[in-house]
Amino acid sequence: MGALGAVVAAMIVQKNNAEATQARNQRFVDTATQTVMNMFSFKQDTIDESVDRFYDSTSGPLRDMMSQTGNIDNLKAIFRDTGGSSETVINGAALEGIDGVSNNASVLVSARVTASDQNGNNKPSQPYRLRIIVHEDEEGRMTSYDLNYPNGGN
């Protein structure tokens, strides 16, 4: 009877560990997809909030690049100059791997972005593929650490 109890306890621990790993993996994917949404989605009356939300969710080289003098203001100005808006739909996302030493995960995200002009007319949707590197800090907070376009394309 004791052996059966030990086997059941071991199975419960394994199940809990698997669920925790799956939840952590999903948080990496969720962070990456939210980053892509924040990068490409904006409306004229929420540009400041949209760009700030994107910036606040970054760390590492991506944050360093964005924090260079004038980059945030320039991005806001570009969005304002379009006079329109942009909407993003995530087609899919996949966790490619996690580096256990750096706590960085690579997530490939596929999205379609539809921009609208100042009159609300939609332009043709554009597909994007991005590899988002997501970092998990010591407190478990996940941020977008870096990004690139796979194979040099979008």
N, C-alpha and C. Protein backbone atom coordinates (compact mmCIF):
# COMPACT_ATOMS: atom_id res chain seq x y z
N MET A 1 0.82 -1.18 0.00
CA MET A 1 0.00 0.00 0.00
C MET A 1 0.87 1.26 0.00
N GLY A 2 1.98 1.25 0.76
CA GLY A 2 2.88 2.39 0.83
C GLY A 2 3.51 2.70 -0.52
N ALA A 3 3.83 1.66 -1.29
CA ALA A 3 4.42 1.85 -2.61
C ALA A 3 3.43 2.53 -3.55
N LEU A 4 2.18 2.11 -3.46
CA LEU A 4 1.14 2.73 -4.30
C LEU A 4 0.98 4.21 -3.97
N GLY A 5 1.01 4.54 -2.68
CA GLY A 5 0.92 5.94 -2.26
C GLY A 5 2.09 6.76 -2.77
N ALA A 6 3.28 6.17 -2.75
CA ALA A 6 4.47 6.87 -3.24
C ALA A 6 4.37 7.11 -4.75
N VAL A 7 3.86 6.14 -5.49
CA VAL A 7 3.70 6.28 -6.94
C VAL A 7 2.67 7.38 -7.24
N VAL A 8 1.57 7.39 -6.52
CA VAL A 8 0.54 8.41 -6.73
C VAL A 8 1.10 9.80 -6.40
N ALA A 9 1.83 9.91 -5.30
CA ALA A 9 2.44 11.20 -4.93
C ALA A 9 3.42 11.67 -6.00
N ALA A 10 4.23 10.75 -6.53
CA ALA A 10 5.19 11.10 -7.58
C ALA A 10 4.47 11.57 -8.84
N MET A 11 3.38 10.92 -9.17
CA MET A 11 2.60 11.32 -10.36
C MET A 11 1.99 12.70 -10.18
N ILE A 12 1.53 13.01 -8.98
CA ILE A 12 0.95 14.33 -8.71
C ILE A 12 2.02 15.40 -8.84
N VAL A 13 3.22 15.13 -8.30
CA VAL A 13 4.33 16.10 -8.41
C VAL A 13 4.69 16.31 -9.87
N GLN A 14 4.78 15.23 -10.65
CA GLN A 14 5.10 15.34 -12.07
C GLN A 14 4.04 16.16 -12.81
N LYS A 15 2.79 15.90 -12.49
CA LYS A 15 1.69 16.64 -13.13
C LYS A 15 1.79 18.13 -12.80
N ASN A 16 2.04 18.45 -11.53
CA ASN A 16 2.16 19.86 -11.11
C ASN A 16 3.35 20.53 -11.79
N ASN A 17 4.48 19.82 -11.89
CA ASN A 17 5.66 20.37 -12.57
C ASN A 17 5.37 20.62 -14.05
N ALA A 18 4.68 19.68 -14.68
CA ALA A 18 4.35 19.83 -16.10
C ALA A 18 3.42 21.02 -16.32
N GLU A 19 2.45 21.18 -15.43
CA GLU A 19 1.53 22.31 -15.54
C GLU A 19 2.25 23.64 -15.34
N ALA A 20 3.18 23.69 -14.39
CA ALA A 20 3.95 24.92 -14.13
C ALA A 20 4.83 25.25 -15.33
N THR A 21 5.46 24.25 -15.92
CA THR A 21 6.29 24.46 -17.11
C THR A 21 5.45 24.95 -18.27
N GLN A 22 4.30 24.34 -18.46
CA GLN A 22 3.41 24.75 -19.55
C GLN A 22 2.92 26.19 -19.35
N ALA A 23 2.59 26.55 -18.12
CA ALA A 23 2.13 27.92 -17.83
C ALA A 23 3.25 28.93 -18.09
N ARG A 24 4.47 28.60 -17.68
CA ARG A 24 5.62 29.50 -17.92
C ARG A 24 5.86 29.65 -19.43
N ASN A 25 5.84 28.55 -20.16
CA ASN A 25 6.02 28.61 -21.61
C ASN A 25 4.96 29.50 -22.25
N GLN A 26 3.72 29.39 -21.79
CA GLN A 26 2.64 30.20 -22.35
C GLN A 26 2.85 31.67 -22.04
N ARG A 27 3.40 31.97 -20.88
CA ARG A 27 3.68 33.38 -20.54
C ARG A 27 4.73 33.97 -21.47
N PHE A 28 5.73 33.18 -21.87
CA PHE A 28 6.71 33.64 -22.86
C PHE A 28 6.00 33.98 -24.17
N VAL A 29 5.14 33.07 -24.63
CA VAL A 29 4.41 33.28 -25.89
C VAL A 29 3.47 34.48 -25.77
N ASP A 30 2.76 34.59 -24.67
CA ASP A 30 1.83 35.71 -24.47
C ASP A 30 2.57 37.05 -24.48
N THR A 31 3.73 37.09 -23.85
CA THR A 31 4.52 38.33 -23.82
C THR A 31 4.95 38.71 -25.23
N ALA A 32 5.41 37.74 -26.00
CA ALA A 32 5.85 38.01 -27.37
C ALA A 32 4.69 38.49 -28.25
N THR A 33 3.55 37.85 -28.16
CA THR A 33 2.42 38.27 -28.99
C THR A 33 1.92 39.65 -28.58
N GLN A 34 1.92 39.93 -27.28
CA GLN A 34 1.50 41.26 -26.83
C GLN A 34 2.46 42.33 -27.32
N THR A 35 3.75 42.00 -27.38
CA THR A 35 4.74 42.95 -27.91
C THR A 35 4.43 43.30 -29.36
N VAL A 36 4.13 42.29 -30.15
CA VAL A 36 3.81 42.53 -31.57
C VAL A 36 2.54 43.37 -31.68
N MET A 37 1.55 43.06 -30.86
CA MET A 37 0.32 43.87 -30.86
C MET A 37 0.65 45.32 -30.51
N ASN A 38 1.46 45.51 -29.48
CA ASN A 38 1.81 46.86 -29.05
C ASN A 38 2.64 47.60 -30.09
N MET A 39 3.47 46.88 -30.83
CA MET A 39 4.32 47.51 -31.85
C MET A 39 3.52 48.09 -33.00
N PHE A 40 2.50 47.37 -33.43
CA PHE A 40 1.84 47.71 -34.68
C PHE A 40 0.43 48.27 -34.53
N SER A 41 -0.14 48.27 -33.35
CA SER A 41 -1.52 48.74 -33.17
C SER A 41 -1.53 50.12 -32.53
N PHE A 42 -2.21 51.04 -33.17
CA PHE A 42 -2.37 52.38 -32.58
C PHE A 42 -3.55 53.08 -33.22
N LYS A 43 -4.06 54.05 -32.50
CA LYS A 43 -5.08 54.98 -33.01
C LYS A 43 -4.56 56.38 -32.76
N GLN A 44 -5.00 57.33 -33.51
CA GLN A 44 -4.49 58.69 -33.39
C GLN A 44 -4.66 59.27 -31.98
N ASP A 45 -5.76 58.93 -31.32
CA ASP A 45 -6.00 59.52 -30.00
C ASP A 45 -5.32 58.75 -28.86
N THR A 46 -4.60 57.66 -29.20
CA THR A 46 -3.92 56.89 -28.15
C THR A 46 -2.44 56.61 -28.49
N ILE A 47 -1.86 57.41 -29.34
CA ILE A 47 -0.47 57.17 -29.76
C ILE A 47 0.48 57.19 -28.57
N ASP A 48 0.38 58.21 -27.73
CA ASP A 48 1.29 58.29 -26.58
C ASP A 48 1.19 57.05 -25.71
N GLU A 49 -0.03 56.64 -25.38
CA GLU A 49 -0.23 55.46 -24.54
C GLU A 49 0.27 54.21 -25.23
N SER A 50 0.03 54.07 -26.53
CA SER A 50 0.44 52.88 -27.27
C SER A 50 1.96 52.74 -27.31
N VAL A 51 2.65 53.82 -27.63
CA VAL A 51 4.11 53.77 -27.70
C VAL A 51 4.70 53.57 -26.31
N ASP A 52 4.15 54.25 -25.32
CA ASP A 52 4.65 54.09 -23.95
C ASP A 52 4.44 52.66 -23.45
N ARG A 53 3.31 52.06 -23.78
CA ARG A 53 3.02 50.68 -23.38
C ARG A 53 4.05 49.73 -24.00
N PHE A 54 4.36 49.96 -25.29
CA PHE A 54 5.37 49.14 -25.95
C PHE A 54 6.73 49.31 -25.25
N TYR A 55 7.13 50.55 -25.04
CA TYR A 55 8.43 50.83 -24.43
C TYR A 55 8.53 50.24 -23.02
N ASP A 56 7.46 50.37 -22.25
CA ASP A 56 7.46 49.88 -20.87
C ASP A 56 7.59 48.36 -20.79
N SER A 57 7.28 47.66 -21.87
CA SER A 57 7.35 46.19 -21.86
C SER A 57 8.66 45.66 -22.42
N THR A 58 9.66 46.55 -22.59
CA THR A 58 10.93 46.13 -23.16
C THR A 58 12.05 46.10 -22.13
N SER A 59 13.13 45.42 -22.49
CA SER A 59 14.34 45.37 -21.69
C SER A 59 15.51 45.10 -22.63
N GLY A 60 16.71 45.05 -22.09
CA GLY A 60 17.88 44.66 -22.86
C GLY A 60 18.16 45.54 -24.07
N PRO A 61 18.67 44.93 -25.16
CA PRO A 61 19.04 45.69 -26.36
C PRO A 61 17.86 46.44 -26.98
N LEU A 62 16.68 45.87 -26.91
CA LEU A 62 15.50 46.54 -27.49
C LEU A 62 15.21 47.83 -26.73
N ARG A 63 15.24 47.76 -25.42
CA ARG A 63 15.01 48.96 -24.60
C ARG A 63 16.13 49.97 -24.82
N ASP A 64 17.37 49.49 -24.90
CA ASP A 64 18.50 50.39 -25.15
C ASP A 64 18.31 51.16 -26.46
N MET A 65 17.89 50.44 -27.51
CA MET A 65 17.68 51.10 -28.80
C MET A 65 16.55 52.14 -28.70
N MET A 66 15.46 51.75 -28.05
CA MET A 66 14.32 52.66 -27.95
C MET A 66 14.62 53.86 -27.06
N SER A 67 15.53 53.71 -26.09
CA SER A 67 15.80 54.79 -25.16
C SER A 67 16.82 55.80 -25.69
N GLN A 68 17.37 55.55 -26.87
CA GLN A 68 18.30 56.51 -27.46
C GLN A 68 17.58 57.84 -27.65
N THR A 69 18.30 58.92 -27.53
CA THR A 69 17.72 60.25 -27.59
C THR A 69 16.79 60.43 -28.78
N GLY A 70 15.56 60.75 -28.48
CA GLY A 70 14.58 61.10 -29.51
C GLY A 70 13.85 59.93 -30.14
N ASN A 71 14.24 58.69 -29.90
CA ASN A 71 13.59 57.57 -30.59
C ASN A 71 12.11 57.44 -30.25
N ILE A 72 11.75 57.57 -28.99
CA ILE A 72 10.34 57.46 -28.60
C ILE A 72 9.54 58.60 -29.21
N ASP A 73 10.05 59.82 -29.11
CA ASP A 73 9.35 60.97 -29.69
C ASP A 73 9.24 60.85 -31.20
N ASN A 74 10.29 60.35 -31.85
CA ASN A 74 10.26 60.17 -33.30
C ASN A 74 9.21 59.14 -33.71
N LEU A 75 9.12 58.05 -32.96
CA LEU A 75 8.13 57.03 -33.26
C LEU A 75 6.71 57.60 -33.12
N LYS A 76 6.49 58.35 -32.07
CA LYS A 76 5.17 58.98 -31.89
C LYS A 76 4.88 59.95 -33.03
N ALA A 77 5.88 60.71 -33.45
CA ALA A 77 5.71 61.67 -34.54
C ALA A 77 5.39 60.96 -35.85
N ILE A 78 6.06 59.84 -36.12
CA ILE A 78 5.79 59.08 -37.35
C ILE A 78 4.34 58.60 -37.35
N PHE A 79 3.89 58.06 -36.22
CA PHE A 79 2.51 57.59 -36.13
C PHE A 79 1.53 58.75 -36.31
N ARG A 80 1.83 59.90 -35.73
CA ARG A 80 0.94 61.06 -35.88
C ARG A 80 0.90 61.53 -37.33
N ASP A 81 2.07 61.53 -37.97
CA ASP A 81 2.16 62.00 -39.35
C ASP A 81 1.35 61.15 -40.32
N THR A 82 1.15 59.88 -40.00
CA THR A 82 0.34 59.05 -40.90
C THR A 82 -1.11 59.52 -40.93
N GLY A 83 -1.54 60.09 -39.81
CA GLY A 83 -2.92 60.55 -39.72
C GLY A 83 -3.92 59.43 -39.59
N GLY A 84 -3.46 58.21 -39.60
CA GLY A 84 -4.37 57.07 -39.57
C GLY A 84 -4.21 56.23 -38.33
N SER A 85 -4.51 54.95 -38.50
CA SER A 85 -4.40 54.01 -37.40
C SER A 85 -3.88 52.69 -37.96
N SER A 86 -3.64 51.77 -37.06
CA SER A 86 -3.14 50.47 -37.46
C SER A 86 -3.70 49.42 -36.52
N GLU A 87 -4.06 48.28 -37.08
CA GLU A 87 -4.63 47.19 -36.30
C GLU A 87 -3.85 45.92 -36.61
N THR A 88 -3.61 45.12 -35.58
CA THR A 88 -2.83 43.90 -35.73
C THR A 88 -3.65 42.68 -35.33
N VAL A 89 -3.51 41.64 -36.11
CA VAL A 89 -4.11 40.35 -35.79
C VAL A 89 -2.98 39.33 -35.75
N ILE A 90 -2.89 38.59 -34.66
CA ILE A 90 -1.88 37.56 -34.52
C ILE A 90 -2.40 36.29 -35.20
N ASN A 91 -1.62 35.79 -36.15
CA ASN A 91 -1.99 34.54 -36.85
C ASN A 91 -1.53 33.31 -36.08
N GLY A 92 -0.42 33.43 -35.40
CA GLY A 92 0.10 32.30 -34.65
C GLY A 92 1.39 32.68 -33.95
N ALA A 93 1.77 31.88 -32.98
CA ALA A 93 3.02 32.10 -32.25
C ALA A 93 3.51 30.75 -31.75
N ALA A 94 4.83 30.58 -31.78
CA ALA A 94 5.42 29.32 -31.34
C ALA A 94 6.68 29.57 -30.52
N LEU A 95 6.76 28.90 -29.41
CA LEU A 95 7.96 28.95 -28.58
C LEU A 95 9.02 28.10 -29.27
N GLU A 96 10.16 28.72 -29.58
CA GLU A 96 11.23 27.99 -30.25
C GLU A 96 12.19 27.36 -29.27
N GLY A 97 12.39 27.98 -28.13
CA GLY A 97 13.29 27.42 -27.14
C GLY A 97 13.54 28.40 -26.01
N ILE A 98 14.03 27.86 -24.89
CA ILE A 98 14.34 28.68 -23.72
C ILE A 98 15.78 28.40 -23.32
N ASP A 99 16.54 29.48 -23.11
CA ASP A 99 17.91 29.37 -22.61
C ASP A 99 17.82 29.42 -21.09
N GLY A 100 18.10 28.29 -20.45
CA GLY A 100 17.97 28.20 -19.00
C GLY A 100 18.96 29.05 -18.24
N VAL A 101 20.07 29.44 -18.87
CA VAL A 101 21.08 30.26 -18.20
C VAL A 101 20.64 31.73 -18.17
N SER A 102 20.23 32.24 -19.33
CA SER A 102 19.86 33.66 -19.42
C SER A 102 18.39 33.92 -19.12
N ASN A 103 17.58 32.85 -19.05
CA ASN A 103 16.13 32.97 -18.90
C ASN A 103 15.52 33.75 -20.05
N ASN A 104 16.09 33.58 -21.24
CA ASN A 104 15.55 34.17 -22.46
C ASN A 104 14.91 33.08 -23.29
N ALA A 105 13.77 33.41 -23.88
CA ALA A 105 13.09 32.48 -24.77
C ALA A 105 12.93 33.13 -26.13
N SER A 106 13.01 32.31 -27.15
CA SER A 106 12.80 32.76 -28.52
C SER A 106 11.39 32.34 -28.93
N VAL A 107 10.62 33.32 -29.41
CA VAL A 107 9.24 33.06 -29.82
C VAL A 107 9.04 33.62 -31.22
N LEU A 108 8.60 32.79 -32.13
CA LEU A 108 8.30 33.23 -33.49
C LEU A 108 6.83 33.62 -33.55
N VAL A 109 6.57 34.85 -34.02
CA VAL A 109 5.20 35.37 -34.07
C VAL A 109 4.87 35.75 -35.51
N SER A 110 3.70 35.33 -35.95
CA SER A 110 3.19 35.68 -37.27
C SER A 110 1.97 36.58 -37.09
N ALA A 111 1.95 37.70 -37.81
CA ALA A 111 0.85 38.66 -37.66
C ALA A 111 0.49 39.28 -39.00
N ARG A 112 -0.70 39.84 -39.06
CA ARG A 112 -1.14 40.65 -40.20
C ARG A 112 -1.45 42.03 -39.65
N VAL A 113 -0.94 43.04 -40.33
CA VAL A 113 -1.13 44.42 -39.89
C VAL A 113 -1.90 45.16 -40.98
N THR A 114 -2.97 45.81 -40.56
CA THR A 114 -3.78 46.60 -41.49
C THR A 114 -3.74 48.06 -41.04
N ALA A 115 -3.18 48.88 -41.89
CA ALA A 115 -3.12 50.31 -41.61
C ALA A 115 -4.29 50.99 -42.30
N SER A 116 -4.76 52.06 -41.68
CA SER A 116 -5.84 52.87 -42.26
C SER A 116 -5.33 54.29 -42.43
N ASP A 117 -5.80 54.94 -43.50
CA ASP A 117 -5.39 56.33 -43.70
C ASP A 117 -6.25 57.25 -42.84
N GLN A 118 -6.02 58.56 -42.96
CA GLN A 118 -6.72 59.53 -42.12
C GLN A 118 -8.23 59.54 -42.35
N ASN A 119 -8.67 58.98 -43.48
CA ASN A 119 -10.11 58.91 -43.77
C ASN A 119 -10.73 57.58 -43.33
N GLY A 120 -9.92 56.72 -42.74
CA GLY A 120 -10.43 55.43 -42.28
C GLY A 120 -10.41 54.35 -43.33
N ASN A 121 -9.82 54.62 -44.49
CA ASN A 121 -9.75 53.62 -45.56
C ASN A 121 -8.59 52.66 -45.28
N ASN A 122 -8.91 51.37 -45.28
CA ASN A 122 -7.88 50.37 -45.01
C ASN A 122 -6.96 50.20 -46.21
N LYS A 123 -5.68 50.10 -45.92
CA LYS A 123 -4.70 49.73 -46.93
C LYS A 123 -4.62 48.20 -46.92
N PRO A 124 -4.03 47.60 -47.95
CA PRO A 124 -3.90 46.14 -47.93
C PRO A 124 -3.10 45.68 -46.70
N SER A 125 -3.56 44.61 -46.10
CA SER A 125 -2.88 44.05 -44.93
C SER A 125 -1.49 43.57 -45.32
N GLN A 126 -0.57 43.70 -44.37
CA GLN A 126 0.81 43.26 -44.57
C GLN A 126 1.13 42.13 -43.59
N PRO A 127 1.73 41.05 -44.09
CA PRO A 127 2.14 39.97 -43.18
C PRO A 127 3.49 40.30 -42.54
N TYR A 128 3.66 39.92 -41.31
CA TYR A 128 4.93 40.08 -40.60
C TYR A 128 5.25 38.80 -39.85
N ARG A 129 6.53 38.44 -39.86
CA ARG A 129 7.04 37.37 -39.02
C ARG A 129 8.16 37.98 -38.20
N LEU A 130 8.08 37.84 -36.91
CA LEU A 130 9.10 38.38 -36.03
C LEU A 130 9.54 37.32 -35.03
N ARG A 131 10.80 37.34 -34.73
CA ARG A 131 11.33 36.50 -33.65
C ARG A 131 11.54 37.44 -32.46
N ILE A 132 10.77 37.22 -31.42
CA ILE A 132 10.84 38.03 -30.22
C ILE A 132 11.62 37.24 -29.16
N ILE A 133 12.64 37.88 -28.61
CA ILE A 133 13.37 37.28 -27.50
C ILE A 133 12.76 37.86 -26.22
N VAL A 134 12.22 36.99 -25.40
CA VAL A 134 11.55 37.38 -24.17
C VAL A 134 12.44 37.00 -22.99
N HIS A 135 12.63 37.96 -22.08
CA HIS A 135 13.45 37.72 -20.90
C HIS A 135 12.57 37.63 -19.66
N GLU A 136 12.86 36.65 -18.82
CA GLU A 136 12.19 36.52 -17.53
C GLU A 136 13.18 36.93 -16.45
N ASP A 137 12.84 37.96 -15.66
CA ASP A 137 13.76 38.41 -14.61
C ASP A 137 13.58 37.57 -13.34
N GLU A 138 14.34 37.92 -12.32
CA GLU A 138 14.35 37.15 -11.07
C GLU A 138 12.98 37.11 -10.39
N GLU A 139 12.17 38.15 -10.61
CA GLU A 139 10.83 38.20 -9.99
C GLU A 139 9.77 37.52 -10.85
N GLY A 140 10.16 36.99 -12.00
CA GLY A 140 9.21 36.34 -12.89
C GLY A 140 8.57 37.27 -13.90
N ARG A 141 8.95 38.55 -13.91
CA ARG A 141 8.40 39.51 -14.88
C ARG A 141 9.01 39.24 -16.25
N MET A 142 8.18 39.21 -17.25
CA MET A 142 8.65 38.96 -18.61
C MET A 142 8.58 40.23 -19.44
N THR A 143 9.67 40.48 -20.17
CA THR A 143 9.76 41.65 -21.03
C THR A 143 10.35 41.23 -22.37
N SER A 144 10.10 42.04 -23.36
CA SER A 144 10.68 41.79 -24.68
C SER A 144 12.09 42.33 -24.69
N TYR A 145 13.03 41.44 -24.85
CA TYR A 145 14.44 41.73 -24.73
C TYR A 145 15.06 42.15 -26.06
N ASP A 146 14.61 41.53 -27.12
CA ASP A 146 15.15 41.83 -28.45
C ASP A 146 14.18 41.30 -29.48
N LEU A 147 14.35 41.72 -30.72
CA LEU A 147 13.52 41.20 -31.80
C LEU A 147 14.31 41.24 -33.10
N ASN A 148 13.91 40.37 -34.01
CA ASN A 148 14.47 40.42 -35.35
C ASN A 148 13.48 39.83 -36.32
N TYR A 149 13.74 40.07 -37.57
CA TYR A 149 12.93 39.52 -38.64
C TYR A 149 13.66 38.29 -39.17
N PRO A 150 13.07 37.09 -39.05
CA PRO A 150 13.76 35.87 -39.49
C PRO A 150 14.18 35.96 -40.96
N ASN A 151 15.34 35.47 -41.25
CA ASN A 151 15.88 35.42 -42.61
C ASN A 151 15.93 36.80 -43.26
N GLY A 152 16.02 37.86 -42.46
CA GLY A 152 16.16 39.20 -42.98
C GLY A 152 14.90 39.79 -43.58
N GLY A 153 13.80 39.09 -43.55
CA GLY A 153 12.55 39.60 -44.15
C GLY A 153 11.55 39.97 -43.10
N ASN A 154 10.35 40.29 -43.55
CA ASN A 154 9.31 40.60 -42.59
C ASN A 154 8.38 39.43 -42.47
